[in-house]
């Protein structure tokens, strides 16, 4: 199944293999700073970027009503960083 293209824009791959995504495309896809994107190769010359859902964030959202003392995603990330130490 191929997703319908809503809007088209161009970008160029830099010498460091980096690209800049157009702001309008990011807004339309509801993607913003801090989001992690998974890169899927569809076929030769075709990529799909998919927002990666963090399973830890899913658990946090499920427990949002409980008394964890966490109120933001940033606080959850800080706790995860502490666990990695």
PDB file of N, CA and C in Angstrom:
ATOM      1  N   UNK A   1       0.844  -1.176   0.000  1.00  0.00           N
ATOM      2  CA  UNK A   1       0.000   0.000   0.000  1.00  0.00           C
ATOM      3  C   UNK A   1       0.890   1.239   0.000  1.00  0.00           C
ATOM      4  N   UNK A   2       0.690   2.117  -0.957  1.00  0.00           N
ATOM      5  CA  UNK A   2       1.471   3.338  -1.074  1.00  0.00           C
ATOM      6  C   UNK A   2       0.661   4.501  -0.544  1.00  0.00           C
ATOM      7  N   UNK A   3       1.283   5.298   0.328  1.00  0.00           N
ATOM      8  CA  UNK A   3       0.598   6.466   0.876  1.00  0.00           C
ATOM      9  C   UNK A   3       0.474   7.536  -0.197  1.00  0.00           C
ATOM     10  N   UNK A   4      -0.642   8.225  -0.191  1.00  0.00           N
ATOM     11  CA  UNK A   4      -0.875   9.310  -1.137  1.00  0.00           C
ATOM     12  C   UNK A   4       0.007  10.500  -0.782  1.00  0.00           C
ATOM     13  N   UNK A   5       0.624  11.117  -1.770  1.00  0.00           N
ATOM     14  CA  UNK A   5       1.460  12.294  -1.546  1.00  0.00           C
ATOM     15  C   UNK A   5       0.560  13.501  -1.470  1.00  0.00           C
ATOM     16  N   UNK A   6       0.574  14.190  -0.316  1.00  0.00           N
ATOM     17  CA  UNK A   6      -0.272  15.367  -0.122  1.00  0.00           C
ATOM     18  C   UNK A   6       0.386  16.620  -0.668  1.00  0.00           C
ATOM     19  N   UNK A   7       1.689  16.723  -0.462  1.00  0.00           N
ATOM     20  CA  UNK A   7       2.418  17.920  -0.849  1.00  0.00           C
ATOM     21  C   UNK A   7       3.820  17.501  -1.239  1.00  0.00           C
ATOM     22  N   UNK A   8       4.404  18.207  -2.169  1.00  0.00           N
ATOM     23  CA  UNK A   8       5.738  17.844  -2.628  1.00  0.00           C
ATOM     24  C   UNK A   8       6.676  19.037  -2.460  1.00  0.00           C
ATOM     25  N   UNK A   9       7.878  18.765  -2.014  1.00  0.00           N
ATOM     26  CA  UNK A   9       8.924  19.787  -1.879  1.00  0.00           C
ATOM     27  C   UNK A   9      10.253  19.103  -2.171  1.00  0.00           C
ATOM     28  N   UNK A  10      11.266  19.894  -2.434  1.00  0.00           N
ATOM     29  CA  UNK A  10      12.581  19.340  -2.734  1.00  0.00           C
ATOM     30  C   UNK A  10      13.569  19.684  -1.637  1.00  0.00           C
ATOM     31  N   UNK A  11      14.547  18.811  -1.453  1.00  0.00           N
ATOM     32  CA  UNK A  11      15.666  19.049  -0.556  1.00  0.00           C
ATOM     33  C   UNK A  11      16.872  18.365  -1.191  1.00  0.00           C
ATOM     34  N   UNK A  12      18.053  18.727  -0.733  1.00  0.00           N
ATOM     35  CA  UNK A  12      19.273  18.203  -1.328  1.00  0.00           C
ATOM     36  C   UNK A  12      20.091  17.481  -0.265  1.00  0.00           C
ATOM     37  N   UNK A  13      20.684  16.356  -0.633  1.00  0.00           N
ATOM     38  CA  UNK A  13      21.563  15.628   0.275  1.00  0.00           C
ATOM     39  C   UNK A  13      22.904  16.346   0.288  1.00  0.00           C
ATOM     40  N   UNK A  14      23.371  16.714   1.495  1.00  0.00           N
ATOM     41  CA  UNK A  14      24.641  17.436   1.627  1.00  0.00           C
ATOM     42  C   UNK A  14      25.826  16.487   1.490  1.00  0.00           C
ATOM     43  N   UNK A  15      27.017  17.047   1.492  1.00  0.00           N
ATOM     44  CA  UNK A  15      28.235  16.228   1.420  1.00  0.00           C
ATOM     45  C   UNK A  15      28.398  15.349   2.660  1.00  0.00           C
ATOM     46  N   UNK A  16      27.675  15.691   3.747  1.00  0.00           N
ATOM     47  CA  UNK A  16      27.699  14.890   4.972  1.00  0.00           C
ATOM     48  C   UNK A  16      26.496  13.944   5.048  1.00  0.00           C
ATOM     49  N   UNK A  17      25.819  13.763   3.899  1.00  0.00           N
ATOM     50  CA  UNK A  17      24.636  12.894   3.824  1.00  0.00           C
ATOM     51  C   UNK A  17      23.494  13.370   4.711  1.00  0.00           C
ATOM     52  N   UNK A  18      23.363  14.673   4.878  1.00  0.00           N
ATOM     53  CA  UNK A  18      22.285  15.248   5.674  1.00  0.00           C
ATOM     54  C   UNK A  18      21.274  15.923   4.757  1.00  0.00           C
ATOM     55  N   UNK A  19      20.019  15.970   5.226  1.00  0.00           N
ATOM     56  CA  UNK A  19      18.986  16.698   4.501  1.00  0.00           C
ATOM     57  C   UNK A  19      18.241  17.599   5.479  1.00  0.00           C
ATOM     58  N   UNK A  20      17.629  18.643   4.959  1.00  0.00           N
ATOM     59  CA  UNK A  20      16.766  19.507   5.747  1.00  0.00           C
ATOM     60  C   UNK A  20      15.352  19.288   5.249  1.00  0.00           C
ATOM     61  N   UNK A  21      14.463  18.974   6.178  1.00  0.00           N
ATOM     62  CA  UNK A  21      13.071  18.751   5.794  1.00  0.00           C
ATOM     63  C   UNK A  21      12.318  20.073   5.823  1.00  0.00           C
ATOM     64  N   UNK A  22      11.492  20.338   4.825  1.00  0.00           N
ATOM     65  CA  UNK A  22      10.735  21.591   4.789  1.00  0.00           C
ATOM     66  C   UNK A  22       9.796  21.717   5.993  1.00  0.00           C
ATOM     67  N   UNK A  23       9.745  22.921   6.565  1.00  0.00           N
ATOM     68  CA  UNK A  23       8.915  23.176   7.749  1.00  0.00           C
ATOM     69  C   UNK A  23       7.458  22.838   7.476  1.00  0.00           C
ATOM     70  N   UNK A  24       6.960  23.205   6.309  1.00  0.00           N
ATOM     71  CA  UNK A  24       5.554  22.933   5.983  1.00  0.00           C
ATOM     72  C   UNK A  24       5.266  21.430   6.024  1.00  0.00           C
ATOM     73  N   UNK A  25       6.198  20.625   5.536  1.00  0.00           N
ATOM     74  CA  UNK A  25       6.009  19.170   5.551  1.00  0.00           C
ATOM     75  C   UNK A  25       6.027  18.642   6.980  1.00  0.00           C
ATOM     76  N   UNK A  26       6.939  19.170   7.809  1.00  0.00           N
ATOM     77  CA  UNK A  26       6.995  18.750   9.214  1.00  0.00           C
ATOM     78  C   UNK A  26       5.697  19.096   9.935  1.00  0.00           C
ATOM     79  N   UNK A  27       5.195  20.293   9.698  1.00  0.00           N
ATOM     80  CA  UNK A  27       3.937  20.711  10.338  1.00  0.00           C
ATOM     81  C   UNK A  27       2.783  19.825   9.896  1.00  0.00           C
ATOM     82  N   UNK A  28       2.703  19.579   8.601  1.00  0.00           N
ATOM     83  CA  UNK A  28       1.599  18.769   8.083  1.00  0.00           C
ATOM     84  C   UNK A  28       1.639  17.350   8.645  1.00  0.00           C
ATOM     85  N   UNK A  29       2.843  16.833   8.871  1.00  0.00           N
ATOM     86  CA  UNK A  29       3.006  15.484   9.432  1.00  0.00           C
ATOM     87  C   UNK A  29       2.969  15.495  10.956  1.00  0.00           C
ATOM     88  N   UNK A  30       2.853  16.693  11.548  1.00  0.00           N
ATOM     89  CA  UNK A  30       2.837  16.843  13.010  1.00  0.00           C
ATOM     90  C   UNK A  30       4.108  16.261  13.640  1.00  0.00           C
ATOM     91  N   UNK A  31       5.242  16.596  13.040  1.00  0.00           N
ATOM     92  CA  UNK A  31       6.551  16.165  13.524  1.00  0.00           C
ATOM     93  C   UNK A  31       7.303  17.398  13.983  1.00  0.00           C
ATOM     94  N   UNK A  32       7.962  17.297  15.129  1.00  0.00           N
ATOM     95  CA  UNK A  32       8.657  18.465  15.653  1.00  0.00           C
ATOM     96  C   UNK A  32       9.965  18.110  16.328  1.00  0.00           C
ATOM     97  N   UNK A  33      10.618  19.133  16.883  1.00  0.00           N
ATOM     98  CA  UNK A  33      11.899  18.927  17.556  1.00  0.00           C
ATOM     99  C   UNK A  33      11.796  17.850  18.639  1.00  0.00           C
ATOM    100  N   UNK A  34      12.780  16.983  18.659  1.00  0.00           N
ATOM    101  CA  UNK A  34      12.811  15.918  19.653  1.00  0.00           C
ATOM    102  C   UNK A  34      12.163  14.623  19.198  1.00  0.00           C
ATOM    103  N   UNK A  35      11.337  14.687  18.152  1.00  0.00           N
ATOM    104  CA  UNK A  35      10.728  13.461  17.644  1.00  0.00           C
ATOM    105  C   UNK A  35      11.802  12.586  17.005  1.00  0.00           C
ATOM    106  N   UNK A  36      11.694  11.304  17.208  1.00  0.00           N
ATOM    107  CA  UNK A  36      12.619  10.344  16.605  1.00  0.00           C
ATOM    108  C   UNK A  36      11.923   9.750  15.397  1.00  0.00           C
ATOM    109  N   UNK A  37      12.617   9.763  14.263  1.00  0.00           N
ATOM    110  CA  UNK A  37      12.049   9.235  13.026  1.00  0.00           C
ATOM    111  C   UNK A  37      12.780   7.967  12.614  1.00  0.00           C
ATOM    112  N   UNK A  38      12.017   6.970  12.227  1.00  0.00           N
ATOM    113  CA  UNK A  38      12.570   5.722  11.704  1.00  0.00           C
ATOM    114  C   UNK A  38      12.617   5.866  10.177  1.00  0.00           C
ATOM    115  N   UNK A  39      13.716   5.471   9.563  1.00  0.00           N
ATOM    116  CA  UNK A  39      13.869   5.553   8.113  1.00  0.00           C
ATOM    117  C   UNK A  39      13.619   4.170   7.529  1.00  0.00           C
ATOM    118  N   UNK A  40      12.637   4.090   6.639  1.00  0.00           N
ATOM    119  CA  UNK A  40      12.328   2.833   5.965  1.00  0.00           C
ATOM    120  C   UNK A  40      12.649   2.996   4.483  1.00  0.00           C
ATOM    121  N   UNK A  41      13.388   2.048   3.935  1.00  0.00           N
ATOM    122  CA  UNK A  41      13.672   2.055   2.504  1.00  0.00           C
ATOM    123  C   UNK A  41      12.534   1.314   1.818  1.00  0.00           C
ATOM    124  N   UNK A  42      11.828   2.016   0.947  1.00  0.00           N
ATOM    125  CA  UNK A  42      10.695   1.436   0.235  1.00  0.00           C
ATOM    126  C   UNK A  42      11.166   0.744  -1.035  1.00  0.00           C
ATOM    127  N   UNK A  43      11.985   1.433  -1.791  1.00  0.00           N
ATOM    128  CA  UNK A  43      12.581   0.879  -3.011  1.00  0.00           C
ATOM    129  C   UNK A  43      13.725   1.794  -3.402  1.00  0.00           C
ATOM    130  N   UNK A  44      14.395   1.495  -4.478  1.00  0.00           N
ATOM    131  CA  UNK A  44      15.519   2.301  -4.940  1.00  0.00           C
ATOM    132  C   UNK A  44      15.106   3.772  -5.067  1.00  0.00           C
ATOM    133  N   UNK A  45      15.750   4.624  -4.288  1.00  0.00           N
ATOM    134  CA  UNK A  45      15.480   6.063  -4.353  1.00  0.00           C
ATOM    135  C   UNK A  45      14.262   6.524  -3.582  1.00  0.00           C
ATOM    136  N   UNK A  46      13.595   5.623  -2.854  1.00  0.00           N
ATOM    137  CA  UNK A  46      12.377   5.999  -2.123  1.00  0.00           C
ATOM    138  C   UNK A  46      12.533   5.616  -0.650  1.00  0.00           C
ATOM    139  N   UNK A  47      12.392   6.619   0.216  1.00  0.00           N
ATOM    140  CA  UNK A  47      12.436   6.426   1.661  1.00  0.00           C
ATOM    141  C   UNK A  47      11.103   6.844   2.257  1.00  0.00           C
ATOM    142  N   UNK A  48      10.813   6.305   3.423  1.00  0.00           N
ATOM    143  CA  UNK A  48       9.643   6.746   4.189  1.00  0.00           C
ATOM    144  C   UNK A  48      10.148   7.046   5.600  1.00  0.00           C
ATOM    145  N   UNK A  49       9.791   8.217   6.124  1.00  0.00           N
ATOM    146  CA  UNK A  49      10.130   8.588   7.494  1.00  0.00           C
ATOM    147  C   UNK A  49       8.888   8.375   8.348  1.00  0.00           C
ATOM    148  N   UNK A  50       9.040   7.638   9.431  1.00  0.00           N
ATOM    149  CA  UNK A  50       7.918   7.320  10.302  1.00  0.00           C
ATOM    150  C   UNK A  50       8.299   7.696  11.726  1.00  0.00           C
ATOM    151  N   UNK A  51       7.413   8.465  12.393  1.00  0.00           N
ATOM    152  CA  UNK A  51       7.700   8.815  13.792  1.00  0.00           C
ATOM    153  C   UNK A  51       7.764   7.530  14.605  1.00  0.00           C
ATOM    154  N   UNK A  52       8.849   7.382  15.349  1.00  0.00           N
ATOM    155  CA  UNK A  52       9.078   6.202  16.182  1.00  0.00           C
ATOM    156  C   UNK A  52       8.395   6.420  17.524  1.00  0.00           C
ATOM    157  N   UNK A  53       7.528   5.513  17.894  1.00  0.00           N
ATOM    158  CA  UNK A  53       6.869   5.607  19.196  1.00  0.00           C
ATOM    159  C   UNK A  53       7.768   4.974  20.249  1.00  0.00           C
ATOM    160  N   UNK A  54       7.999   5.704  21.304  1.00  0.00           N
ATOM    161  CA  UNK A  54       8.829   5.226  22.408  1.00  0.00           C
ATOM    162  C   UNK A  54       7.974   4.378  23.338  1.00  0.00           C
ATOM    163  N   UNK A  55       8.289   3.087  23.513  1.00  0.00           N
ATOM    164  CA  UNK A  55       7.469   2.251  24.394  1.00  0.00           C
ATOM    165  C   UNK A  55       7.451   2.754  25.827  1.00  0.00           C
ATOM    166  N   UNK A  56       8.532   3.408  26.275  1.00  0.00           N
ATOM    167  CA  UNK A  56       8.539   3.983  27.627  1.00  0.00           C
ATOM    168  C   UNK A  56       7.517   5.100  27.738  1.00  0.00           C
ATOM    169  N   UNK A  57       7.403   5.907  26.686  1.00  0.00           N
ATOM    170  CA  UNK A  57       6.419   6.996  26.709  1.00  0.00           C
ATOM    171  C   UNK A  57       5.007   6.416  26.727  1.00  0.00           C
ATOM    172  N   UNK A  58       4.775   5.330  26.008  1.00  0.00           N
ATOM    173  CA  UNK A  58       3.463   4.687  26.018  1.00  0.00           C
ATOM    174  C   UNK A  58       3.107   4.227  27.427  1.00  0.00           C
ATOM    175  N   UNK A  59       4.077   3.640  28.132  1.00  0.00           N
ATOM    176  CA  UNK A  59       3.833   3.211  29.512  1.00  0.00           C
ATOM    177  C   UNK A  59       3.540   4.409  30.402  1.00  0.00           C
ATOM    178  N   UNK A  60       4.281   5.503  30.195  1.00  0.00           N
ATOM    179  CA  UNK A  60       4.066   6.711  30.973  1.00  0.00           C
ATOM    180  C   UNK A  60       2.655   7.246  30.755  1.00  0.00           C
ATOM    181  N   UNK A  61       2.203   7.290  29.507  1.00  0.00           N
ATOM    182  CA  UNK A  61       0.864   7.798  29.206  1.00  0.00           C
ATOM    183  C   UNK A  61      -0.208   6.934  29.867  1.00  0.00           C
ATOM    184  N   UNK A  62       0.018   5.612  29.890  1.00  0.00           N
ATOM    185  CA  UNK A  62      -0.943   4.715  30.536  1.00  0.00           C
ATOM    186  C   UNK A  62      -1.042   4.998  32.031  1.00  0.00           C
ATOM    187  N   UNK A  63       0.086   5.354  32.641  1.00  0.00           N
ATOM    188  CA  UNK A  63       0.123   5.582  34.084  1.00  0.00           C
ATOM    189  C   UNK A  63      -0.063   7.049  34.442  1.00  0.00           C
ATOM    190  N   UNK A  64      -0.465   7.879  33.510  1.00  0.00           N
ATOM    191  CA  UNK A  64      -0.523   9.326  33.727  1.00  0.00           C
ATOM    192  C   UNK A  64      -1.362   9.714  34.938  1.00  0.00           C
ATOM    193  N   UNK A  65      -2.367   8.957  35.263  1.00  0.00           N
ATOM    194  CA  UNK A  65      -3.218   9.310  36.397  1.00  0.00           C
ATOM    195  C   UNK A  65      -2.642   8.887  37.734  1.00  0.00           C
ATOM    196  N   UNK A  66      -1.590   8.087  37.730  1.00  0.00           N
ATOM    197  CA  UNK A  66      -1.034   7.617  38.995  1.00  0.00           C
ATOM    198  C   UNK A  66      -0.051   8.628  39.564  1.00  0.00           C
ATOM    199  N   UNK A  67       0.380   8.399  40.787  1.00  0.00           N
ATOM    200  CA  UNK A  67       1.246   9.345  41.492  1.00  0.00           C
ATOM    201  C   UNK A  67       2.711   8.995  41.267  1.00  0.00           C
ATOM    202  N   UNK A  68       3.205   9.245  40.020  1.00  0.00           N
ATOM    203  CA  UNK A  68       4.596   8.962  39.705  1.00  0.00           C
ATOM    204  C   UNK A  68       5.495  10.160  39.988  1.00  0.00           C
ATOM    205  N   UNK A  69       4.905  11.330  40.147  1.00  0.00           N
ATOM    206  CA  UNK A  69       5.699  12.530  40.334  1.00  0.00           C
ATOM    207  C   UNK A  69       6.330  13.029  39.048  1.00  0.00           C
ATOM    208  N   UNK A  70       5.835  12.557  37.921  1.00  0.00           N
ATOM    209  CA  UNK A  70       6.345  12.966  36.613  1.00  0.00           C
ATOM    210  C   UNK A  70       5.208  13.687  35.897  1.00  0.00           C
ATOM    211  N   UNK A  71       5.514  14.849  35.354  1.00  0.00           N
ATOM    212  CA  UNK A  71       4.446  15.597  34.686  1.00  0.00           C
ATOM    213  C   UNK A  71       4.728  15.885  33.219  1.00  0.00           C
ATOM    214  N   UNK A  72       5.963  15.729  32.774  1.00  0.00           N
ATOM    215  CA  UNK A  72       6.284  16.039  31.383  1.00  0.00           C
ATOM    216  C   UNK A  72       7.157  14.955  30.778  1.00  0.00           C
ATOM    217  N   UNK A  73       7.201  14.941  29.461  1.00  0.00           N
ATOM    218  CA  UNK A  73       8.063  13.998  28.748  1.00  0.00           C
ATOM    219  C   UNK A  73       9.527  14.257  29.098  1.00  0.00           C
ATOM    220  N   UNK A  74       9.886  15.544  29.289  1.00  0.00           N
ATOM    221  CA  UNK A  74      11.271  15.878  29.625  1.00  0.00           C
ATOM    222  C   UNK A  74      11.675  15.252  30.957  1.00  0.00           C
ATOM    223  N   UNK A  75      10.756  15.266  31.926  1.00  0.00           N
ATOM    224  CA  UNK A  75      11.063  14.648  33.221  1.00  0.00           C
ATOM    225  C   UNK A  75      11.249  13.140  33.066  1.00  0.00           C
ATOM    226  N   UNK A  76      10.445  12.522  32.215  1.00  0.00           N
ATOM    227  CA  UNK A  76      10.612  11.094  31.957  1.00  0.00           C
ATOM    228  C   UNK A  76      11.964  10.826  31.315  1.00  0.00           C
ATOM    229  N   UNK A  77      12.364  11.661  30.345  1.00  0.00           N
ATOM    230  CA  UNK A  77      13.665  11.494  29.697  1.00  0.00           C
ATOM    231  C   UNK A  77      14.797  11.655  30.709  1.00  0.00           C
ATOM    232  N   UNK A  78      14.676  12.608  31.634  1.00  0.00           N
ATOM    233  CA  UNK A  78      15.702  12.792  32.665  1.00  0.00           C
ATOM    234  C   UNK A  78      15.827  11.525  33.524  1.00  0.00           C
ATOM    235  N   UNK A  79      14.676  10.934  33.882  1.00  0.00           N
ATOM    236  CA  UNK A  79      14.714   9.710  34.671  1.00  0.00           C
ATOM    237  C   UNK A  79      15.393   8.588  33.887  1.00  0.00           C
ATOM    238  N   UNK A  80      15.085   8.478  32.587  1.00  0.00           N
ATOM    239  CA  UNK A  80      15.700   7.424  31.768  1.00  0.00           C
ATOM    240  C   UNK A  80      17.206   7.626  31.677  1.00  0.00           C
ATOM    241  N   UNK A  81      17.643   8.894  31.574  1.00  0.00           N
ATOM    242  CA  UNK A  81      19.072   9.181  31.532  1.00  0.00           C
ATOM    243  C   UNK A  81      19.746   8.737  32.825  1.00  0.00           C
ATOM    244  N   UNK A  82      19.069   8.927  33.957  1.00  0.00           N
ATOM    245  CA  UNK A  82      19.617   8.496  35.249  1.00  0.00           C
ATOM    246  C   UNK A  82      19.750   6.967  35.280  1.00  0.00           C
ATOM    247  N   UNK A  83      18.784   6.258  34.717  1.00  0.00           N
ATOM    248  CA  UNK A  83      18.819   4.787  34.722  1.00  0.00           C
ATOM    249  C   UNK A  83      19.997   4.283  33.918  1.00  0.00           C
ATOM    250  N   UNK A  84      20.381   5.026  32.869  1.00  0.00           N
ATOM    251  CA  UNK A  84      21.470   4.598  31.991  1.00  0.00           C
ATOM    252  C   UNK A  84      22.841   4.776  32.635  1.00  0.00           C
ATOM    253  N   UNK A  85      22.921   5.519  33.702  1.00  0.00           N
ATOM    254  CA  UNK A  85      24.225   5.776  34.348  1.00  0.00           C
ATOM    255  C   UNK A  85      24.707   4.592  35.121  1.00  0.00           C
TER     256      UNK A  85
END
